[in-house]
Amino acid sequence: MSESEPLSPCVAVCVLDPVTGYCRGCFRTIAEISRWVLLERAEKSRILAALPARRQQAAGQRDERLR
């Protein structure tokens, strides 16, 4: 049985955060977004694994800006 292709994490909130450089919806960089369909399964999986830490980093930076 073959592994299915990782799905895009896009949630249709396409706004790049100027501080982090990540999309505020999916937490990918513009390069990752634009190349997503061309990336190998392993690279997509690596990016998806990094998203929770990016989300946490962005939340921390947002909290710092509010202080």
PDB file of N, CA and C in Angstrom:
ATOM      1  N   MET A   1       0.853  -1.176   0.000  1.00  0.00           N
ATOM      2  CA  MET A   1       0.000   0.000   0.000  1.00  0.00           C
ATOM      3  C   MET A   1       0.899   1.240   0.000  1.00  0.00           C
ATOM      4  N   SER A   2       0.607   2.189  -0.850  1.00  0.00           N
ATOM      5  CA  SER A   2       1.421   3.402  -0.909  1.00  0.00           C
ATOM      6  C   SER A   2       0.879   4.459   0.048  1.00  0.00           C
ATOM      7  N   GLU A   3       1.814   5.264   0.547  1.00  0.00           N
ATOM      8  CA  GLU A   3       1.419   6.367   1.428  1.00  0.00           C
ATOM      9  C   GLU A   3       0.757   7.457   0.614  1.00  0.00           C
ATOM     10  N   SER A   4      -0.268   8.074   1.172  1.00  0.00           N
ATOM     11  CA  SER A   4      -0.908   9.179   0.465  1.00  0.00           C
ATOM     12  C   SER A   4      -0.053  10.440   0.608  1.00  0.00           C
ATOM     13  N   GLU A   5      -0.234  11.311  -0.320  1.00  0.00           N
ATOM     14  CA  GLU A   5       0.497  12.576  -0.342  1.00  0.00           C
ATOM     15  C   GLU A   5       0.009  13.456   0.813  1.00  0.00           C
ATOM     16  N   PRO A   6       0.925  14.083   1.567  1.00  0.00           N
ATOM     17  CA  PRO A   6       0.496  14.986   2.643  1.00  0.00           C
ATOM     18  C   PRO A   6      -0.350  16.133   2.082  1.00  0.00           C
ATOM     19  N   LEU A   7      -1.439  16.417   2.749  1.00  0.00           N
ATOM     20  CA  LEU A   7      -2.321  17.494   2.314  1.00  0.00           C
ATOM     21  C   LEU A   7      -1.747  18.854   2.699  1.00  0.00           C
ATOM     22  N   SER A   8      -2.077  19.839   1.919  1.00  0.00           N
ATOM     23  CA  SER A   8      -1.668  21.206   2.218  1.00  0.00           C
ATOM     24  C   SER A   8      -2.335  21.662   3.511  1.00  0.00           C
ATOM     25  N   PRO A   9      -1.600  22.368   4.360  1.00  0.00           N
ATOM     26  CA  PRO A   9      -2.189  22.876   5.597  1.00  0.00           C
ATOM     27  C   PRO A   9      -2.950  24.192   5.406  1.00  0.00           C
ATOM     28  N   CYS A  10      -3.106  24.624   4.179  1.00  0.00           N
ATOM     29  CA  CYS A  10      -3.770  25.901   3.894  1.00  0.00           C
ATOM     30  C   CYS A  10      -5.172  25.938   4.497  1.00  0.00           C
ATOM     31  N   VAL A  11      -5.489  27.056   5.154  1.00  0.00           N
ATOM     32  CA  VAL A  11      -6.820  27.264   5.724  1.00  0.00           C
ATOM     33  C   VAL A  11      -7.480  28.510   5.138  1.00  0.00           C
ATOM     34  N   ALA A  12      -6.951  28.978   4.011  1.00  0.00           N
ATOM     35  CA  ALA A  12      -7.493  30.126   3.274  1.00  0.00           C
ATOM     36  C   ALA A  12      -7.460  31.428   4.077  1.00  0.00           C
ATOM     37  N   VAL A  13      -6.456  31.570   4.928  1.00  0.00           N
ATOM     38  CA  VAL A  13      -6.185  32.828   5.625  1.00  0.00           C
ATOM     39  C   VAL A  13      -4.785  33.227   5.169  1.00  0.00           C
ATOM     40  N   CYS A  14      -4.709  33.776   3.987  1.00  0.00           N
ATOM     41  CA  CYS A  14      -3.416  33.994   3.321  1.00  0.00           C
ATOM     42  C   CYS A  14      -2.893  35.405   3.563  1.00  0.00           C
ATOM     43  N   VAL A  15      -2.228  35.566   4.708  1.00  0.00           N
ATOM     44  CA  VAL A  15      -1.633  36.843   5.088  1.00  0.00           C
ATOM     45  C   VAL A  15      -0.261  36.540   5.668  1.00  0.00           C
ATOM     46  N   LEU A  16       0.769  37.129   5.084  1.00  0.00           N
ATOM     47  CA  LEU A  16       2.118  36.902   5.602  1.00  0.00           C
ATOM     48  C   LEU A  16       2.399  37.847   6.756  1.00  0.00           C
ATOM     49  N   ASP A  17       2.851  37.296   7.859  1.00  0.00           N
ATOM     50  CA  ASP A  17       3.238  38.087   9.022  1.00  0.00           C
ATOM     51  C   ASP A  17       4.592  38.723   8.733  1.00  0.00           C
ATOM     52  N   PRO A  18       4.698  40.048   8.818  1.00  0.00           N
ATOM     53  CA  PRO A  18       5.960  40.708   8.497  1.00  0.00           C
ATOM     54  C   PRO A  18       7.083  40.419   9.492  1.00  0.00           C
ATOM     55  N   VAL A  19       6.743  40.003  10.694  1.00  0.00           N
ATOM     56  CA  VAL A  19       7.756  39.715  11.710  1.00  0.00           C
ATOM     57  C   VAL A  19       8.321  38.304  11.532  1.00  0.00           C
ATOM     58  N   THR A  20       7.442  37.311  11.420  1.00  0.00           N
ATOM     59  CA  THR A  20       7.896  35.920  11.335  1.00  0.00           C
ATOM     60  C   THR A  20       8.189  35.478   9.899  1.00  0.00           C
ATOM     61  N   GLY A  21       7.512  36.090   8.942  1.00  0.00           N
ATOM     62  CA  GLY A  21       7.645  35.647   7.552  1.00  0.00           C
ATOM     63  C   GLY A  21       6.755  34.455   7.241  1.00  0.00           C
ATOM     64  N   TYR A  22       5.935  34.041   8.204  1.00  0.00           N
ATOM     65  CA  TYR A  22       5.036  32.910   8.013  1.00  0.00           C
ATOM     66  C   TYR A  22       3.633  33.406   7.679  1.00  0.00           C
ATOM     67  N   CYS A  23       2.915  32.576   6.926  1.00  0.00           N
ATOM     68  CA  CYS A  23       1.507  32.855   6.676  1.00  0.00           C
ATOM     69  C   CYS A  23       0.773  32.750   8.010  1.00  0.00           C
ATOM     70  N   ARG A  24      -0.111  33.671   8.286  1.00  0.00           N
ATOM     71  CA  ARG A  24      -0.846  33.655   9.560  1.00  0.00           C
ATOM     72  C   ARG A  24      -1.894  32.549   9.611  1.00  0.00           C
ATOM     73  N   GLY A  25      -2.187  31.956   8.474  1.00  0.00           N
ATOM     74  CA  GLY A  25      -3.152  30.857   8.445  1.00  0.00           C
ATOM     75  C   GLY A  25      -2.509  29.489   8.591  1.00  0.00           C
ATOM     76  N   CYS A  26      -1.469  29.234   7.795  1.00  0.00           N
ATOM     77  CA  CYS A  26      -0.886  27.881   7.770  1.00  0.00           C
ATOM     78  C   CYS A  26       0.537  27.816   8.310  1.00  0.00           C
ATOM     79  N   PHE A  27       1.156  28.956   8.567  1.00  0.00           N
ATOM     80  CA  PHE A  27       2.495  29.051   9.152  1.00  0.00           C
ATOM     81  C   PHE A  27       3.605  28.511   8.249  1.00  0.00           C
ATOM     82  N   ARG A  28       3.347  28.564   6.928  1.00  0.00           N
ATOM     83  CA  ARG A  28       4.406  28.248   5.970  1.00  0.00           C
ATOM     84  C   ARG A  28       4.980  29.555   5.441  1.00  0.00           C
ATOM     85  N   THR A  29       6.195  29.473   4.889  1.00  0.00           N
ATOM     86  CA  THR A  29       6.791  30.639   4.237  1.00  0.00           C
ATOM     87  C   THR A  29       6.219  30.752   2.835  1.00  0.00           C
ATOM     88  N   ILE A  30       6.407  31.903   2.210  1.00  0.00           N
ATOM     89  CA  ILE A  30       5.915  32.083   0.854  1.00  0.00           C
ATOM     90  C   ILE A  30       6.582  31.091  -0.096  1.00  0.00           C
ATOM     91  N   ALA A  31       7.853  30.786   0.121  1.00  0.00           N
ATOM     92  CA  ALA A  31       8.548  29.800  -0.724  1.00  0.00           C
ATOM     93  C   ALA A  31       7.929  28.411  -0.563  1.00  0.00           C
ATOM     94  N   GLU A  32       7.611  28.039   0.663  1.00  0.00           N
ATOM     95  CA  GLU A  32       6.995  26.731   0.898  1.00  0.00           C
ATOM     96  C   GLU A  32       5.611  26.658   0.272  1.00  0.00           C
ATOM     97  N   ILE A  33       4.862  27.733   0.372  1.00  0.00           N
ATOM     98  CA  ILE A  33       3.519  27.775  -0.211  1.00  0.00           C
ATOM     99  C   ILE A  33       3.595  27.654  -1.731  1.00  0.00           C
ATOM    100  N   SER A  34       4.461  28.456  -2.322  1.00  0.00           N
ATOM    101  CA  SER A  34       4.516  28.492  -3.788  1.00  0.00           C
ATOM    102  C   SER A  34       5.076  27.204  -4.389  1.00  0.00           C
ATOM    103  N   ARG A  35       5.896  26.483  -3.649  1.00  0.00           N
ATOM    104  CA  ARG A  35       6.509  25.259  -4.171  1.00  0.00           C
ATOM    105  C   ARG A  35       5.807  23.989  -3.698  1.00  0.00           C
ATOM    106  N   TRP A  36       4.760  24.107  -2.895  1.00  0.00           N
ATOM    107  CA  TRP A  36       4.132  22.958  -2.259  1.00  0.00           C
ATOM    108  C   TRP A  36       3.837  21.823  -3.247  1.00  0.00           C
ATOM    109  N   VAL A  37       3.242  22.125  -4.374  1.00  0.00           N
ATOM    110  CA  VAL A  37       2.869  21.069  -5.326  1.00  0.00           C
ATOM    111  C   VAL A  37       4.084  20.384  -5.936  1.00  0.00           C
ATOM    112  N   LEU A  38       5.242  21.018  -5.890  1.00  0.00           N
ATOM    113  CA  LEU A  38       6.464  20.460  -6.475  1.00  0.00           C
ATOM    114  C   LEU A  38       7.312  19.677  -5.478  1.00  0.00           C
ATOM    115  N   LEU A  39       7.032  19.846  -4.193  1.00  0.00           N
ATOM    116  CA  LEU A  39       7.867  19.235  -3.155  1.00  0.00           C
ATOM    117  C   LEU A  39       7.648  17.729  -3.050  1.00  0.00           C
ATOM    118  N   GLU A  40       8.707  17.034  -2.689  1.00  0.00           N
ATOM    119  CA  GLU A  40       8.624  15.598  -2.429  1.00  0.00           C
ATOM    120  C   GLU A  40       7.864  15.364  -1.118  1.00  0.00           C
ATOM    121  N   ARG A  41       7.313  14.187  -0.985  1.00  0.00           N
ATOM    122  CA  ARG A  41       6.542  13.817   0.207  1.00  0.00           C
ATOM    123  C   ARG A  41       7.337  14.061   1.491  1.00  0.00           C
ATOM    124  N   ALA A  42       8.616  13.696   1.500  1.00  0.00           N
ATOM    125  CA  ALA A  42       9.444  13.853   2.696  1.00  0.00           C
ATOM    126  C   ALA A  42       9.591  15.321   3.085  1.00  0.00           C
ATOM    127  N   GLU A  43       9.749  16.197   2.112  1.00  0.00           N
ATOM    128  CA  GLU A  43       9.880  17.623   2.405  1.00  0.00           C
ATOM    129  C   GLU A  43       8.568  18.194   2.919  1.00  0.00           C
ATOM    130  N   LYS A  44       7.455  17.771   2.335  1.00  0.00           N
ATOM    131  CA  LYS A  44       6.142  18.212   2.830  1.00  0.00           C
ATOM    132  C   LYS A  44       5.959  17.766   4.280  1.00  0.00           C
ATOM    133  N   SER A  45       6.344  16.538   4.563  1.00  0.00           N
ATOM    134  CA  SER A  45       6.214  16.016   5.928  1.00  0.00           C
ATOM    135  C   SER A  45       7.097  16.795   6.900  1.00  0.00           C
ATOM    136  N   ARG A  46       8.302  17.164   6.466  1.00  0.00           N
ATOM    137  CA  ARG A  46       9.203  17.952   7.311  1.00  0.00           C
ATOM    138  C   ARG A  46       8.581  19.299   7.626  1.00  0.00           C
ATOM    139  N   ILE A  47       8.008  19.943   6.619  1.00  0.00           N
ATOM    140  CA  ILE A  47       7.367  21.248   6.812  1.00  0.00           C
ATOM    141  C   ILE A  47       6.179  21.112   7.766  1.00  0.00           C
ATOM    142  N   LEU A  48       5.343  20.108   7.528  1.00  0.00           N
ATOM    143  CA  LEU A  48       4.178  19.904   8.390  1.00  0.00           C
ATOM    144  C   LEU A  48       4.595  19.663   9.843  1.00  0.00           C
ATOM    145  N   ALA A  49       5.689  18.948  10.046  1.00  0.00           N
ATOM    146  CA  ALA A  49       6.167  18.688  11.406  1.00  0.00           C
ATOM    147  C   ALA A  49       6.657  19.958  12.089  1.00  0.00           C
ATOM    148  N   ALA A  50       7.125  20.934  11.313  1.00  0.00           N
ATOM    149  CA  ALA A  50       7.643  22.187  11.866  1.00  0.00           C
ATOM    150  C   ALA A  50       6.531  23.185  12.212  1.00  0.00           C
ATOM    151  N   LEU A  51       5.346  22.993  11.695  1.00  0.00           N
ATOM    152  CA  LEU A  51       4.287  23.989  11.862  1.00  0.00           C
ATOM    153  C   LEU A  51       3.864  24.235  13.309  1.00  0.00           C
ATOM    154  N   PRO A  52       3.719  23.217  14.160  1.00  0.00           N
ATOM    155  CA  PRO A  52       3.337  23.508  15.549  1.00  0.00           C
ATOM    156  C   PRO A  52       4.326  24.428  16.265  1.00  0.00           C
ATOM    157  N   ALA A  53       5.613  24.225  16.061  1.00  0.00           N
ATOM    158  CA  ALA A  53       6.610  25.098  16.693  1.00  0.00           C
ATOM    159  C   ALA A  53       6.537  26.506  16.128  1.00  0.00           C
ATOM    160  N   ARG A  54       6.289  26.614  14.841  1.00  0.00           N
ATOM    161  CA  ARG A  54       6.148  27.943  14.226  1.00  0.00           C
ATOM    162  C   ARG A  54       4.925  28.664  14.778  1.00  0.00           C
ATOM    163  N   ARG A  55       3.833  27.925  14.939  1.00  0.00           N
ATOM    164  CA  ARG A  55       2.598  28.502  15.488  1.00  0.00           C
ATOM    165  C   ARG A  55       2.860  29.025  16.895  1.00  0.00           C
ATOM    166  N   GLN A  56       3.577  28.238  17.690  1.00  0.00           N
ATOM    167  CA  GLN A  56       3.905  28.632  19.063  1.00  0.00           C
ATOM    168  C   GLN A  56       4.837  29.853  19.063  1.00  0.00           C
ATOM    169  N   GLN A  57       5.823  29.849  18.176  1.00  0.00           N
ATOM    170  CA  GLN A  57       6.744  30.983  18.059  1.00  0.00           C
ATOM    171  C   GLN A  57       5.979  32.255  17.697  1.00  0.00           C
ATOM    172  N   ALA A  58       5.078  32.158  16.742  1.00  0.00           N
ATOM    173  CA  ALA A  58       4.302  33.322  16.309  1.00  0.00           C
ATOM    174  C   ALA A  58       3.423  33.835  17.446  1.00  0.00           C
ATOM    175  N   ALA A  59       2.832  32.929  18.208  1.00  0.00           N
ATOM    176  CA  ALA A  59       1.997  33.338  19.345  1.00  0.00           C
ATOM    177  C   ALA A  59       2.836  34.063  20.384  1.00  0.00           C
ATOM    178  N   GLY A  60       4.040  33.570  20.642  1.00  0.00           N
ATOM    179  CA  GLY A  60       4.927  34.231  21.605  1.00  0.00           C
ATOM    180  C   GLY A  60       5.327  35.623  21.151  1.00  0.00           C
ATOM    181  N   GLN A  61       5.613  35.772  19.879  1.00  0.00           N
ATOM    182  CA  GLN A  61       5.981  37.083  19.348  1.00  0.00           C
ATOM    183  C   GLN A  61       4.798  38.042  19.390  1.00  0.00           C
ATOM    184  N   ARG A  62       3.617  37.520  19.127  1.00  0.00           N
ATOM    185  CA  ARG A  62       2.401  38.347  19.189  1.00  0.00           C
ATOM    186  C   ARG A  62       2.186  38.821  20.615  1.00  0.00           C
ATOM    187  N   ASP A  63       2.391  37.934  21.586  1.00  0.00           N
ATOM    188  CA  ASP A  63       2.232  38.296  22.999  1.00  0.00           C
ATOM    189  C   ASP A  63       3.240  39.372  23.387  1.00  0.00           C
ATOM    190  N   GLU A  64       4.474  39.259  22.904  1.00  0.00           N
ATOM    191  CA  GLU A  64       5.517  40.254  23.193  1.00  0.00           C
ATOM    192  C   GLU A  64       5.126  41.622  22.639  1.00  0.00           C
ATOM    193  N   ARG A  65       4.557  41.653  21.463  1.00  0.00           N
ATOM    194  CA  ARG A  65       4.170  42.934  20.835  1.00  0.00           C
ATOM    195  C   ARG A  65       3.029  43.594  21.597  1.00  0.00           C
ATOM    196  N   LEU A  66       2.213  42.799  22.276  1.00  0.00           N
ATOM    197  CA  LEU A  66       1.066  43.348  23.019  1.00  0.00           C
ATOM    198  C   LEU A  66       1.452  43.920  24.374  1.00  0.00           C
ATOM    199  N   ARG A  67       2.641  43.614  24.834  1.00  0.00           N
ATOM    200  CA  ARG A  67       3.077  44.108  26.160  1.00  0.00           C
ATOM    201  C   ARG A  67       3.509  45.538  26.102  1.00  0.00           C
TER     202      ARG A  67
END
